[in-house]
């Protein structure tokens, strides 16, 4: 469920009033849900921007400085990811 302006509830999980069938898209077999993840689109965009641009520990600073992530330089991980994207087709 997307909410554009309900920022106080951003990323909250709400209990659905009852189990409900998933009908928004085709599934290989019937499935139901009983929880709803509330997302504020504007807050999600702010979260992404912050995670990229945050000084000292944002993704961009880590990338530019080629910080070690998971034992490897981040730029190497990025290059591997790009290679996987284009080689998987």
PDB file of N, CA and C in Angstrom:
ATOM      1  N   UNK A   1       0.865  -1.165   0.000  1.00  0.00           N
ATOM      2  CA  UNK A   1       0.000   0.000   0.000  1.00  0.00           C
ATOM      3  C   UNK A   1       0.910   1.226   0.000  1.00  0.00           C
ATOM      4  N   UNK A   2       0.803   2.066  -0.995  1.00  0.00           N
ATOM      5  CA  UNK A   2       1.627   3.259  -1.060  1.00  0.00           C
ATOM      6  C   UNK A   2       0.903   4.471  -0.510  1.00  0.00           C
ATOM      7  N   UNK A   3       1.604   5.217   0.290  1.00  0.00           N
ATOM      8  CA  UNK A   3       1.066   6.467   0.814  1.00  0.00           C
ATOM      9  C   UNK A   3       2.094   7.549   0.543  1.00  0.00           C
ATOM     10  N   UNK A   4       1.649   8.635  -0.080  1.00  0.00           N
ATOM     11  CA  UNK A   4       2.595   9.669  -0.454  1.00  0.00           C
ATOM     12  C   UNK A   4       2.933  10.608   0.686  1.00  0.00           C
ATOM     13  N   UNK A   5       1.999  10.876   1.574  1.00  0.00           N
ATOM     14  CA  UNK A   5       2.235  11.909   2.566  1.00  0.00           C
ATOM     15  C   UNK A   5       2.131  11.422   4.003  1.00  0.00           C
ATOM     16  N   UNK A   6       1.857  10.162   4.237  1.00  0.00           N
ATOM     17  CA  UNK A   6       1.680   9.657   5.585  1.00  0.00           C
ATOM     18  C   UNK A   6       3.025   9.253   6.175  1.00  0.00           C
ATOM     19  N   UNK A   7       3.925  10.209   6.334  1.00  0.00           N
ATOM     20  CA  UNK A   7       5.281   9.910   6.770  1.00  0.00           C
ATOM     21  C   UNK A   7       5.387   9.302   8.166  1.00  0.00           C
ATOM     22  N   UNK A   8       4.535   9.666   9.136  1.00  0.00           N
ATOM     23  CA  UNK A   8       4.681   9.049  10.461  1.00  0.00           C
ATOM     24  C   UNK A   8       4.538   7.527  10.437  1.00  0.00           C
ATOM     25  N   UNK A   9       3.810   6.989   9.470  1.00  0.00           N
ATOM     26  CA  UNK A   9       3.612   5.535   9.386  1.00  0.00           C
ATOM     27  C   UNK A   9       4.566   4.860   8.413  1.00  0.00           C
ATOM     28  N   UNK A  10       5.506   5.606   7.873  1.00  0.00           N
ATOM     29  CA  UNK A  10       6.444   5.069   6.883  1.00  0.00           C
ATOM     30  C   UNK A  10       7.151   3.832   7.437  1.00  0.00           C
ATOM     31  N   UNK A  11       7.100   2.751   6.683  1.00  0.00           N
ATOM     32  CA  UNK A  11       7.705   1.456   6.977  1.00  0.00           C
ATOM     33  C   UNK A  11       7.090   0.742   8.176  1.00  0.00           C
ATOM     34  N   UNK A  12       5.904   1.162   8.590  1.00  0.00           N
ATOM     35  CA  UNK A  12       5.175   0.423   9.625  1.00  0.00           C
ATOM     36  C   UNK A  12       4.479  -0.770   8.991  1.00  0.00           C
ATOM     37  N   UNK A  13       4.375  -1.835   9.764  1.00  0.00           N
ATOM     38  CA  UNK A  13       3.613  -3.004   9.328  1.00  0.00           C
ATOM     39  C   UNK A  13       2.297  -2.985  10.095  1.00  0.00           C
ATOM     40  N   UNK A  14       1.205  -2.968   9.346  1.00  0.00           N
ATOM     41  CA  UNK A  14      -0.121  -2.956   9.947  1.00  0.00           C
ATOM     42  C   UNK A  14      -0.780  -4.310   9.740  1.00  0.00           C
ATOM     43  N   UNK A  15      -1.591  -4.696  10.693  1.00  0.00           N
ATOM     44  CA  UNK A  15      -2.327  -5.951  10.595  1.00  0.00           C
ATOM     45  C   UNK A  15      -3.578  -5.707   9.753  1.00  0.00           C
ATOM     46  N   UNK A  16      -3.790  -6.532   8.749  1.00  0.00           N
ATOM     47  CA  UNK A  16      -4.994  -6.432   7.920  1.00  0.00           C
ATOM     48  C   UNK A  16      -6.193  -6.899   8.751  1.00  0.00           C
ATOM     49  N   UNK A  17      -7.376  -6.372   8.474  1.00  0.00           N
ATOM     50  CA  UNK A  17      -8.547  -6.761   9.260  1.00  0.00           C
ATOM     51  C   UNK A  17      -8.872  -8.255   9.159  1.00  0.00           C
ATOM     52  N   UNK A  18      -8.462  -8.899   8.072  1.00  0.00           N
ATOM     53  CA  UNK A  18      -8.679 -10.332   7.883  1.00  0.00           C
ATOM     54  C   UNK A  18      -7.708 -10.812   6.800  1.00  0.00           C
ATOM     55  N   UNK A  19      -7.500 -12.105   6.712  1.00  0.00           N
ATOM     56  CA  UNK A  19      -6.708 -12.646   5.618  1.00  0.00           C
ATOM     57  C   UNK A  19      -7.390 -12.296   4.301  1.00  0.00           C
ATOM     58  N   UNK A  20      -6.595 -11.859   3.336  1.00  0.00           N
ATOM     59  CA  UNK A  20      -7.153 -11.447   2.054  1.00  0.00           C
ATOM     60  C   UNK A  20      -6.360 -12.092   0.926  1.00  0.00           C
ATOM     61  N   UNK A  21      -7.059 -12.443  -0.133  1.00  0.00           N
ATOM     62  CA  UNK A  21      -6.402 -13.038  -1.298  1.00  0.00           C
ATOM     63  C   UNK A  21      -5.595 -11.982  -2.035  1.00  0.00           C
ATOM     64  N   UNK A  22      -4.450 -12.374  -2.541  1.00  0.00           N
ATOM     65  CA  UNK A  22      -3.645 -11.492  -3.384  1.00  0.00           C
ATOM     66  C   UNK A  22      -4.223 -11.574  -4.788  1.00  0.00           C
ATOM     67  N   UNK A  23      -4.694 -10.438  -5.294  1.00  0.00           N
ATOM     68  CA  UNK A  23      -5.321 -10.419  -6.617  1.00  0.00           C
ATOM     69  C   UNK A  23      -4.699  -9.379  -7.541  1.00  0.00           C
ATOM     70  N   UNK A  24      -3.731  -8.612  -7.052  1.00  0.00           N
ATOM     71  CA  UNK A  24      -3.153  -7.526  -7.846  1.00  0.00           C
ATOM     72  C   UNK A  24      -2.289  -8.044  -8.989  1.00  0.00           C
ATOM     73  N   UNK A  25      -1.794  -9.258  -8.877  1.00  0.00           N
ATOM     74  CA  UNK A  25      -0.968  -9.838  -9.933  1.00  0.00           C
ATOM     75  C   UNK A  25      -1.132 -11.347  -9.920  1.00  0.00           C
ATOM     76  N   UNK A  26      -0.756 -11.977 -11.018  1.00  0.00           N
ATOM     77  CA  UNK A  26      -0.938 -13.422 -11.175  1.00  0.00           C
ATOM     78  C   UNK A  26       0.120 -14.179 -10.375  1.00  0.00           C
ATOM     79  N   UNK A  27      -0.319 -15.189  -9.671  1.00  0.00           N
ATOM     80  CA  UNK A  27       0.557 -16.046  -8.884  1.00  0.00           C
ATOM     81  C   UNK A  27       0.425 -17.486  -9.368  1.00  0.00           C
ATOM     82  N   UNK A  28       1.427 -18.316  -9.141  1.00  0.00           N
ATOM     83  CA  UNK A  28       1.333 -19.714  -9.591  1.00  0.00           C
ATOM     84  C   UNK A  28       0.287 -20.510  -8.807  1.00  0.00           C
ATOM     85  N   UNK A  29      -0.080 -20.040  -7.623  1.00  0.00           N
ATOM     86  CA  UNK A  29      -1.106 -20.683  -6.807  1.00  0.00           C
ATOM     87  C   UNK A  29      -1.701 -19.625  -5.882  1.00  0.00           C
ATOM     88  N   UNK A  30      -2.912 -19.849  -5.364  1.00  0.00           N
ATOM     89  CA  UNK A  30      -3.554 -18.839  -4.515  1.00  0.00           C
ATOM     90  C   UNK A  30      -2.736 -18.547  -3.252  1.00  0.00           C
ATOM     91  N   UNK A  31      -2.622 -17.272  -2.932  1.00  0.00           N
ATOM     92  CA  UNK A  31      -1.915 -16.853  -1.719  1.00  0.00           C
ATOM     93  C   UNK A  31      -2.730 -15.760  -1.041  1.00  0.00           C
ATOM     94  N   UNK A  32      -2.556 -15.650   0.272  1.00  0.00           N
ATOM     95  CA  UNK A  32      -3.246 -14.622   1.039  1.00  0.00           C
ATOM     96  C   UNK A  32      -2.220 -13.800   1.808  1.00  0.00           C
ATOM     97  N   UNK A  33      -2.661 -12.620   2.246  1.00  0.00           N
ATOM     98  CA  UNK A  33      -1.823 -11.789   3.099  1.00  0.00           C
ATOM     99  C   UNK A  33      -2.640 -11.351   4.306  1.00  0.00           C
ATOM    100  N   UNK A  34      -1.927 -11.046   5.405  1.00  0.00           N
ATOM    101  CA  UNK A  34      -2.602 -10.566   6.606  1.00  0.00           C
ATOM    102  C   UNK A  34      -1.893  -9.363   7.228  1.00  0.00           C
ATOM    103  N   UNK A  35      -0.891  -8.854   6.523  1.00  0.00           N
ATOM    104  CA  UNK A  35      -0.172  -7.667   6.983  1.00  0.00           C
ATOM    105  C   UNK A  35       0.026  -6.725   5.803  1.00  0.00           C
ATOM    106  N   UNK A  36       0.141  -5.440   6.116  1.00  0.00           N
ATOM    107  CA  UNK A  36       0.313  -4.424   5.081  1.00  0.00           C
ATOM    108  C   UNK A  36       1.519  -3.577   5.461  1.00  0.00           C
ATOM    109  N   UNK A  37       2.473  -3.442   4.560  1.00  0.00           N
ATOM    110  CA  UNK A  37       3.626  -2.561   4.768  1.00  0.00           C
ATOM    111  C   UNK A  37       3.259  -1.185   4.227  1.00  0.00           C
ATOM    112  N   UNK A  38       3.270  -0.190   5.118  1.00  0.00           N
ATOM    113  CA  UNK A  38       2.931   1.174   4.727  1.00  0.00           C
ATOM    114  C   UNK A  38       4.195   1.871   4.251  1.00  0.00           C
ATOM    115  N   UNK A  39       4.145   2.438   3.057  1.00  0.00           N
ATOM    116  CA  UNK A  39       5.297   3.131   2.492  1.00  0.00           C
ATOM    117  C   UNK A  39       4.880   4.539   2.101  1.00  0.00           C
ATOM    118  N   UNK A  40       5.622   5.517   2.592  1.00  0.00           N
ATOM    119  CA  UNK A  40       5.457   6.895   2.143  1.00  0.00           C
ATOM    120  C   UNK A  40       6.434   7.087   0.987  1.00  0.00           C
ATOM    121  N   UNK A  41       5.916   7.313  -0.205  1.00  0.00           N
ATOM    122  CA  UNK A  41       6.774   7.452  -1.384  1.00  0.00           C
ATOM    123  C   UNK A  41       7.766   8.596  -1.201  1.00  0.00           C
ATOM    124  N   UNK A  42       7.302   9.734  -0.699  1.00  0.00           N
ATOM    125  CA  UNK A  42       8.204  10.879  -0.515  1.00  0.00           C
ATOM    126  C   UNK A  42       9.268  10.572   0.536  1.00  0.00           C
ATOM    127  N   UNK A  43       8.911   9.873   1.618  1.00  0.00           N
ATOM    128  CA  UNK A  43       9.894   9.521   2.654  1.00  0.00           C
ATOM    129  C   UNK A  43      10.870   8.474   2.127  1.00  0.00           C
ATOM    130  N   UNK A  44      10.383   7.535   1.342  1.00  0.00           N
ATOM    131  CA  UNK A  44      11.267   6.532   0.750  1.00  0.00           C
ATOM    132  C   UNK A  44      12.295   7.202  -0.153  1.00  0.00           C
ATOM    133  N   UNK A  45      11.859   8.174  -0.954  1.00  0.00           N
ATOM    134  CA  UNK A  45      12.782   8.918  -1.818  1.00  0.00           C
ATOM    135  C   UNK A  45      13.821   9.656  -0.970  1.00  0.00           C
ATOM    136  N   UNK A  46      13.392  10.259   0.140  1.00  0.00           N
ATOM    137  CA  UNK A  46      14.327  10.950   1.032  1.00  0.00           C
ATOM    138  C   UNK A  46      15.317   9.954   1.641  1.00  0.00           C
ATOM    139  N   UNK A  47      14.832   8.780   2.048  1.00  0.00           N
ATOM    140  CA  UNK A  47      15.703   7.745   2.623  1.00  0.00           C
ATOM    141  C   UNK A  47      16.776   7.310   1.620  1.00  0.00           C
ATOM    142  N   UNK A  48      16.372   7.133   0.370  1.00  0.00           N
ATOM    143  CA  UNK A  48      17.325   6.716  -0.667  1.00  0.00           C
ATOM    144  C   UNK A  48      18.356   7.810  -0.897  1.00  0.00           C
ATOM    145  N   UNK A  49      17.892   9.041  -1.033  1.00  0.00           N
ATOM    146  CA  UNK A  49      18.812  10.159  -1.243  1.00  0.00           C
ATOM    147  C   UNK A  49      19.801  10.273  -0.080  1.00  0.00           C
ATOM    148  N   UNK A  50      19.302  10.162   1.146  1.00  0.00           N
ATOM    149  CA  UNK A  50      20.174  10.241   2.316  1.00  0.00           C
ATOM    150  C   UNK A  50      21.200   9.118   2.326  1.00  0.00           C
ATOM    151  N   UNK A  51      20.774   7.899   1.989  1.00  0.00           N
ATOM    152  CA  UNK A  51      21.706   6.773   2.024  1.00  0.00           C
ATOM    153  C   UNK A  51      22.818   6.919   0.992  1.00  0.00           C
ATOM    154  N   UNK A  52      22.526   7.633  -0.088  1.00  0.00           N
ATOM    155  CA  UNK A  52      23.538   7.841  -1.124  1.00  0.00           C
ATOM    156  C   UNK A  52      24.436   9.029  -0.793  1.00  0.00           C
ATOM    157  N   UNK A  53      23.847  10.133  -0.357  1.00  0.00           N
ATOM    158  CA  UNK A  53      24.583  11.393  -0.225  1.00  0.00           C
ATOM    159  C   UNK A  53      25.066  11.712   1.183  1.00  0.00           C
ATOM    160  N   UNK A  54      24.728  10.926   2.188  1.00  0.00           N
ATOM    161  CA  UNK A  54      25.129  11.200   3.569  1.00  0.00           C
ATOM    162  C   UNK A  54      26.653  11.322   3.655  1.00  0.00           C
ATOM    163  N   UNK A  55      27.174  12.442   4.215  1.00  0.00           N
ATOM    164  CA  UNK A  55      28.628  12.614   4.319  1.00  0.00           C
ATOM    165  C   UNK A  55      29.266  11.512   5.165  1.00  0.00           C
ATOM    166  N   UNK A  56      30.428  11.099   4.767  1.00  0.00           N
ATOM    167  CA  UNK A  56      31.295  10.152   5.474  1.00  0.00           C
ATOM    168  C   UNK A  56      30.875   8.686   5.409  1.00  0.00           C
ATOM    169  N   UNK A  57      29.584   8.385   5.413  1.00  0.00           N
ATOM    170  CA  UNK A  57      29.216   6.976   5.356  1.00  0.00           C
ATOM    171  C   UNK A  57      28.098   6.698   4.361  1.00  0.00           C
ATOM    172  N   UNK A  58      27.819   7.643   3.469  1.00  0.00           N
ATOM    173  CA  UNK A  58      26.853   7.404   2.405  1.00  0.00           C
ATOM    174  C   UNK A  58      27.495   6.582   1.299  1.00  0.00           C
ATOM    175  N   UNK A  59      26.658   5.999   0.461  1.00  0.00           N
ATOM    176  CA  UNK A  59      27.162   5.136  -0.612  1.00  0.00           C
ATOM    177  C   UNK A  59      28.144   5.887  -1.516  1.00  0.00           C
ATOM    178  N   UNK A  60      27.813   7.135  -1.881  1.00  0.00           N
ATOM    179  CA  UNK A  60      28.672   7.866  -2.811  1.00  0.00           C
ATOM    180  C   UNK A  60      30.068   8.061  -2.235  1.00  0.00           C
ATOM    181  N   UNK A  61      30.187   8.487  -0.969  1.00  0.00           N
ATOM    182  CA  UNK A  61      31.500   8.646  -0.340  1.00  0.00           C
ATOM    183  C   UNK A  61      32.244   7.315  -0.290  1.00  0.00           C
ATOM    184  N   UNK A  62      31.529   6.251   0.062  1.00  0.00           N
ATOM    185  CA  UNK A  62      32.173   4.929   0.108  1.00  0.00           C
ATOM    186  C   UNK A  62      32.645   4.513  -1.277  1.00  0.00           C
ATOM    187  N   UNK A  63      31.852   4.835  -2.298  1.00  0.00           N
ATOM    188  CA  UNK A  63      32.217   4.468  -3.661  1.00  0.00           C
ATOM    189  C   UNK A  63      33.431   5.268  -4.128  1.00  0.00           C
ATOM    190  N   UNK A  64      33.402   6.591  -3.950  1.00  0.00           N
ATOM    191  CA  UNK A  64      34.492   7.456  -4.401  1.00  0.00           C
ATOM    192  C   UNK A  64      35.797   7.086  -3.696  1.00  0.00           C
ATOM    193  N   UNK A  65      35.708   6.766  -2.407  1.00  0.00           N
ATOM    194  CA  UNK A  65      36.898   6.412  -1.644  1.00  0.00           C
ATOM    195  C   UNK A  65      37.251   4.937  -1.754  1.00  0.00           C
ATOM    196  N   UNK A  66      36.448   4.195  -2.516  1.00  0.00           N
ATOM    197  CA  UNK A  66      36.671   2.770  -2.761  1.00  0.00           C
ATOM    198  C   UNK A  66      36.820   1.985  -1.457  1.00  0.00           C
ATOM    199  N   UNK A  67      35.910   2.267  -0.502  1.00  0.00           N
ATOM    200  CA  UNK A  67      35.929   1.573   0.786  1.00  0.00           C
ATOM    201  C   UNK A  67      35.777   0.067   0.595  1.00  0.00           C
ATOM    202  N   UNK A  68      36.277  -0.672   1.560  1.00  0.00           N
ATOM    203  CA  UNK A  68      36.154  -2.126   1.548  1.00  0.00           C
ATOM    204  C   UNK A  68      34.774  -2.494   2.099  1.00  0.00           C
ATOM    205  N   UNK A  69      34.038  -3.265   1.346  1.00  0.00           N
ATOM    206  CA  UNK A  69      32.715  -3.724   1.753  1.00  0.00           C
ATOM    207  C   UNK A  69      32.686  -5.233   1.556  1.00  0.00           C
ATOM    208  N   UNK A  70      32.422  -5.960   2.620  1.00  0.00           N
ATOM    209  CA  UNK A  70      32.406  -7.418   2.518  1.00  0.00           C
ATOM    210  C   UNK A  70      33.755  -7.979   2.086  1.00  0.00           C
ATOM    211  N   UNK A  71      34.828  -7.292   2.488  1.00  0.00           N
ATOM    212  CA  UNK A  71      36.171  -7.769   2.173  1.00  0.00           C
ATOM    213  C   UNK A  71      36.688  -7.373   0.798  1.00  0.00           C
ATOM    214  N   UNK A  72      35.885  -6.612   0.033  1.00  0.00           N
ATOM    215  CA  UNK A  72      36.298  -6.224  -1.318  1.00  0.00           C
ATOM    216  C   UNK A  72      36.113  -4.727  -1.513  1.00  0.00           C
ATOM    217  N   UNK A  73      36.915  -4.104  -2.390  1.00  0.00           N
ATOM    218  CA  UNK A  73      36.712  -2.691  -2.710  1.00  0.00           C
ATOM    219  C   UNK A  73      35.337  -2.487  -3.356  1.00  0.00           C
ATOM    220  N   UNK A  74      34.627  -1.453  -2.920  1.00  0.00           N
ATOM    221  CA  UNK A  74      33.268  -1.214  -3.390  1.00  0.00           C
ATOM    222  C   UNK A  74      33.206  -1.046  -4.904  1.00  0.00           C
ATOM    223  N   UNK A  75      34.193  -0.393  -5.505  1.00  0.00           N
ATOM    224  CA  UNK A  75      34.161  -0.210  -6.960  1.00  0.00           C
ATOM    225  C   UNK A  75      34.233  -1.551  -7.685  1.00  0.00           C
ATOM    226  N   UNK A  76      34.958  -2.518  -7.127  1.00  0.00           N
ATOM    227  CA  UNK A  76      34.998  -3.860  -7.727  1.00  0.00           C
ATOM    228  C   UNK A  76      33.621  -4.511  -7.648  1.00  0.00           C
ATOM    229  N   UNK A  77      32.952  -4.356  -6.503  1.00  0.00           N
ATOM    230  CA  UNK A  77      31.607  -4.932  -6.340  1.00  0.00           C
ATOM    231  C   UNK A  77      30.644  -4.300  -7.338  1.00  0.00           C
ATOM    232  N   UNK A  78      30.753  -2.981  -7.542  1.00  0.00           N
ATOM    233  CA  UNK A  78      29.894  -2.270  -8.483  1.00  0.00           C
ATOM    234  C   UNK A  78      30.138  -2.787  -9.899  1.00  0.00           C
ATOM    235  N   UNK A  79      31.410  -2.909 -10.278  1.00  0.00           N
ATOM    236  CA  UNK A  79      31.736  -3.405 -11.615  1.00  0.00           C
ATOM    237  C   UNK A  79      31.197  -4.824 -11.819  1.00  0.00           C
ATOM    238  N   UNK A  80      31.304  -5.660 -10.794  1.00  0.00           N
ATOM    239  CA  UNK A  80      30.765  -7.024 -10.886  1.00  0.00           C
ATOM    240  C   UNK A  80      29.250  -6.992 -11.074  1.00  0.00           C
ATOM    241  N   UNK A  81      28.570  -6.116 -10.335  1.00  0.00           N
ATOM    242  CA  UNK A  81      27.116  -6.019 -10.435  1.00  0.00           C
ATOM    243  C   UNK A  81      26.709  -5.589 -11.840  1.00  0.00           C
ATOM    244  N   UNK A  82      27.387  -4.594 -12.391  1.00  0.00           N
ATOM    245  CA  UNK A  82      27.077  -4.131 -13.749  1.00  0.00           C
ATOM    246  C   UNK A  82      27.318  -5.261 -14.751  1.00  0.00           C
ATOM    247  N   UNK A  83      28.417  -5.964 -14.598  1.00  0.00           N
ATOM    248  CA  UNK A  83      28.741  -7.082 -15.489  1.00  0.00           C
ATOM    249  C   UNK A  83      27.649  -8.157 -15.417  1.00  0.00           C
ATOM    250  N   UNK A  84      27.181  -8.465 -14.188  1.00  0.00           N
ATOM    251  CA  UNK A  84      26.136  -9.477 -14.024  1.00  0.00           C
ATOM    252  C   UNK A  84      24.834  -9.049 -14.681  1.00  0.00           C
ATOM    253  N   UNK A  85      24.511  -7.757 -14.574  1.00  0.00           N
ATOM    254  CA  UNK A  85      23.280  -7.247 -15.195  1.00  0.00           C
ATOM    255  C   UNK A  85      23.310  -7.476 -16.702  1.00  0.00           C
ATOM    256  N   UNK A  86      24.416  -7.122 -17.326  1.00  0.00           N
ATOM    257  CA  UNK A  86      24.494  -7.195 -18.784  1.00  0.00           C
ATOM    258  C   UNK A  86      24.789  -8.590 -19.300  1.00  0.00           C
ATOM    259  N   UNK A  87      25.400  -9.445 -18.497  1.00  0.00           N
ATOM    260  CA  UNK A  87      25.693 -10.804 -18.936  1.00  0.00           C
ATOM    261  C   UNK A  87      24.549 -11.765 -18.642  1.00  0.00           C
ATOM    262  N   UNK A  88      23.554 -11.342 -17.856  1.00  0.00           N
ATOM    263  CA  UNK A  88      22.462 -12.254 -17.505  1.00  0.00           C
ATOM    264  C   UNK A  88      21.375 -12.297 -18.570  1.00  0.00           C
ATOM    265  N   UNK A  89      21.480 -11.438 -19.579  1.00  0.00           N
ATOM    266  CA  UNK A  89      20.427 -11.379 -20.608  1.00  0.00           C
ATOM    267  C   UNK A  89      20.725 -12.316 -21.751  1.00  0.00           C
TER     268      UNK A  89
END
